[in-house]
Amino acid sequence: MGMSSTGSVELAADAGGTKVFWVDAGDLGMNPMNRWFGLFLDGMIGPDFEKGLSNIKKIVEK
C-alpha cells in the first residue's frame, strides 16, 4: 500500500506521577484507498496500544 508510520513514546510530568503517550504518526498520501484504510487504523491498532500501555503500567508499579 505504500504507507509508513513512525512511532514514539513520550513522557510528561503529571501531578503525582508521569503520563505516558504512545504516538504513531504517518502520511497516508493522496491515494484514496490509503485514506479509506486510514479510517480503520485506530480500531485495528488501538487495542494493541492500550494493552502495551497497560503492561508498562504494571511493570512500573511493581
N, C-alpha and C. Protein backbone atom coordinates (compact mmCIF):
# COMPACT_ATOMS: atom_id res chain seq x y z
N MET A 1 0.80 -1.19 0.00
CA MET A 1 0.00 0.00 0.00
C MET A 1 0.84 1.26 0.00
N GLY A 2 2.12 1.17 0.29
CA GLY A 2 2.98 2.33 0.25
C GLY A 2 2.82 3.29 1.40
N MET A 3 2.38 2.80 2.55
CA MET A 3 2.22 3.67 3.71
C MET A 3 3.34 3.38 4.70
N SER A 4 3.69 4.38 5.48
CA SER A 4 4.67 4.18 6.55
C SER A 4 4.25 5.03 7.73
N SER A 5 4.78 4.67 8.89
CA SER A 5 4.49 5.45 10.09
C SER A 5 5.71 5.43 10.99
N THR A 6 5.72 6.38 11.89
CA THR A 6 6.79 6.49 12.87
C THR A 6 6.16 6.49 14.25
N GLY A 7 6.66 5.64 15.10
CA GLY A 7 6.14 5.55 16.46
C GLY A 7 7.09 6.20 17.45
N SER A 8 6.52 6.67 18.54
CA SER A 8 7.34 7.24 19.61
C SER A 8 6.61 7.09 20.93
N VAL A 9 7.38 7.13 22.00
CA VAL A 9 6.83 7.13 23.35
C VAL A 9 7.25 8.44 23.97
N GLU A 10 6.28 9.18 24.50
CA GLU A 10 6.55 10.47 25.10
C GLU A 10 6.16 10.44 26.57
N LEU A 11 6.97 11.05 27.40
CA LEU A 11 6.73 11.13 28.83
C LEU A 11 6.49 12.57 29.23
N ALA A 12 5.51 12.79 30.11
CA ALA A 12 5.21 14.14 30.58
C ALA A 12 4.94 14.09 32.08
N ALA A 13 5.51 15.04 32.80
CA ALA A 13 5.28 15.12 34.24
C ALA A 13 3.80 15.39 34.49
N ASP A 14 3.28 14.74 35.51
CA ASP A 14 1.89 14.91 35.90
C ASP A 14 1.84 14.91 37.41
N ALA A 15 0.84 15.53 37.97
CA ALA A 15 0.71 15.59 39.43
C ALA A 15 0.77 14.18 40.00
N GLY A 16 1.80 13.90 40.77
CA GLY A 16 1.93 12.61 41.42
C GLY A 16 2.46 11.50 40.54
N GLY A 17 2.94 11.79 39.35
CA GLY A 17 3.44 10.72 38.50
C GLY A 17 3.88 11.21 37.14
N THR A 18 3.83 10.30 36.20
CA THR A 18 4.24 10.58 34.83
C THR A 18 3.18 10.05 33.88
N LYS A 19 2.83 10.85 32.89
CA LYS A 19 1.92 10.39 31.84
C LYS A 19 2.76 9.83 30.70
N VAL A 20 2.31 8.72 30.14
CA VAL A 20 2.99 8.10 29.02
C VAL A 20 2.08 8.20 27.81
N PHE A 21 2.62 8.72 26.72
CA PHE A 21 1.88 8.82 25.47
C PHE A 21 2.59 7.98 24.42
N TRP A 22 1.85 7.07 23.83
CA TRP A 22 2.39 6.23 22.76
C TRP A 22 1.79 6.79 21.48
N VAL A 23 2.64 7.33 20.62
CA VAL A 23 2.18 8.05 19.44
C VAL A 23 2.63 7.32 18.18
N ASP A 24 1.75 7.22 17.22
CA ASP A 24 2.08 6.66 15.91
C ASP A 24 1.54 7.63 14.87
N ALA A 25 2.41 8.15 14.03
CA ALA A 25 2.00 9.14 13.03
C ALA A 25 2.56 8.75 11.67
N GLY A 26 1.80 9.04 10.65
CA GLY A 26 2.25 8.74 9.30
C GLY A 26 1.49 9.55 8.28
N ASP A 27 1.93 9.43 7.05
CA ASP A 27 1.31 10.15 5.94
C ASP A 27 0.63 9.13 5.03
N LEU A 28 -0.67 9.27 4.88
CA LEU A 28 -1.43 8.36 4.03
C LEU A 28 -1.39 8.78 2.57
N GLY A 29 -0.82 9.94 2.30
CA GLY A 29 -0.73 10.43 0.92
C GLY A 29 -2.11 10.77 0.36
N MET A 30 -2.18 10.86 -0.93
CA MET A 30 -3.43 11.24 -1.58
C MET A 30 -4.14 10.04 -2.22
N ASN A 31 -3.60 8.84 -2.05
CA ASN A 31 -4.23 7.64 -2.59
C ASN A 31 -5.55 7.41 -1.86
N PRO A 32 -6.68 7.38 -2.58
CA PRO A 32 -7.98 7.22 -1.91
C PRO A 32 -8.10 5.93 -1.10
N MET A 33 -7.51 4.85 -1.56
CA MET A 33 -7.58 3.58 -0.81
C MET A 33 -6.81 3.69 0.51
N ASN A 34 -5.63 4.32 0.47
CA ASN A 34 -4.86 4.51 1.70
C ASN A 34 -5.64 5.36 2.69
N ARG A 35 -6.27 6.41 2.20
CA ARG A 35 -7.02 7.31 3.08
C ARG A 35 -8.24 6.60 3.66
N TRP A 36 -8.88 5.77 2.88
CA TRP A 36 -10.02 4.98 3.36
C TRP A 36 -9.55 3.99 4.43
N PHE A 37 -8.45 3.30 4.15
CA PHE A 37 -7.87 2.35 5.09
C PHE A 37 -7.52 3.05 6.41
N GLY A 38 -7.04 4.30 6.31
CA GLY A 38 -6.64 5.05 7.50
C GLY A 38 -7.78 5.25 8.48
N LEU A 39 -9.01 5.25 7.99
CA LEU A 39 -10.17 5.42 8.87
C LEU A 39 -10.30 4.26 9.87
N PHE A 40 -9.73 3.12 9.53
CA PHE A 40 -9.86 1.92 10.36
C PHE A 40 -8.64 1.64 11.23
N LEU A 41 -7.58 2.42 11.05
CA LEU A 41 -6.33 2.14 11.76
C LEU A 41 -6.46 2.20 13.27
N ASP A 42 -7.16 3.19 13.80
CA ASP A 42 -7.29 3.30 15.26
C ASP A 42 -7.96 2.06 15.82
N GLY A 43 -9.00 1.59 15.18
CA GLY A 43 -9.68 0.39 15.65
C GLY A 43 -8.83 -0.86 15.54
N MET A 44 -7.91 -0.86 14.57
CA MET A 44 -7.06 -2.03 14.35
C MET A 44 -5.87 -2.08 15.30
N ILE A 45 -5.21 -0.93 15.51
CA ILE A 45 -4.00 -0.94 16.34
C ILE A 45 -4.22 -0.35 17.73
N GLY A 46 -5.35 0.35 17.91
CA GLY A 46 -5.64 0.96 19.22
C GLY A 46 -5.61 -0.02 20.38
N PRO A 47 -6.26 -1.20 20.23
CA PRO A 47 -6.23 -2.17 21.32
C PRO A 47 -4.81 -2.64 21.67
N ASP A 48 -3.94 -2.74 20.67
CA ASP A 48 -2.55 -3.13 20.95
C ASP A 48 -1.84 -2.04 21.74
N PHE A 49 -2.09 -0.78 21.40
CA PHE A 49 -1.50 0.33 22.15
C PHE A 49 -2.00 0.31 23.59
N GLU A 50 -3.29 0.12 23.79
CA GLU A 50 -3.86 0.09 25.14
C GLU A 50 -3.25 -1.05 25.96
N LYS A 51 -3.10 -2.22 25.34
CA LYS A 51 -2.51 -3.37 26.02
C LYS A 51 -1.05 -3.08 26.39
N GLY A 52 -0.31 -2.47 25.46
CA GLY A 52 1.08 -2.13 25.72
C GLY A 52 1.21 -1.13 26.85
N LEU A 53 0.36 -0.10 26.85
CA LEU A 53 0.41 0.90 27.93
C LEU A 53 0.03 0.27 29.26
N SER A 54 -0.92 -0.63 29.25
CA SER A 54 -1.31 -1.34 30.49
C SER A 54 -0.14 -2.17 31.01
N ASN A 55 0.57 -2.84 30.11
CA ASN A 55 1.73 -3.64 30.52
C ASN A 55 2.83 -2.76 31.10
N ILE A 56 3.07 -1.60 30.50
CA ILE A 56 4.06 -0.66 31.03
C ILE A 56 3.66 -0.25 32.44
N LYS A 57 2.40 0.07 32.63
CA LYS A 57 1.90 0.49 33.94
C LYS A 57 2.12 -0.60 34.99
N LYS A 58 1.81 -1.86 34.64
CA LYS A 58 2.00 -2.98 35.58
C LYS A 58 3.47 -3.12 35.97
N ILE A 59 4.35 -2.99 35.00
CA ILE A 59 5.80 -3.15 35.27
C ILE A 59 6.30 -2.02 36.16
N VAL A 60 5.90 -0.79 35.86
CA VAL A 60 6.39 0.37 36.60
C VAL A 60 5.87 0.36 38.04
N GLU A 61 4.64 -0.13 38.24
CA GLU A 61 4.05 -0.10 39.57
C GLU A 61 4.50 -1.27 40.46
N LYS A 62 5.29 -2.17 39.94
CA LYS A 62 5.78 -3.29 40.77
C LYS A 62 6.77 -2.82 41.78
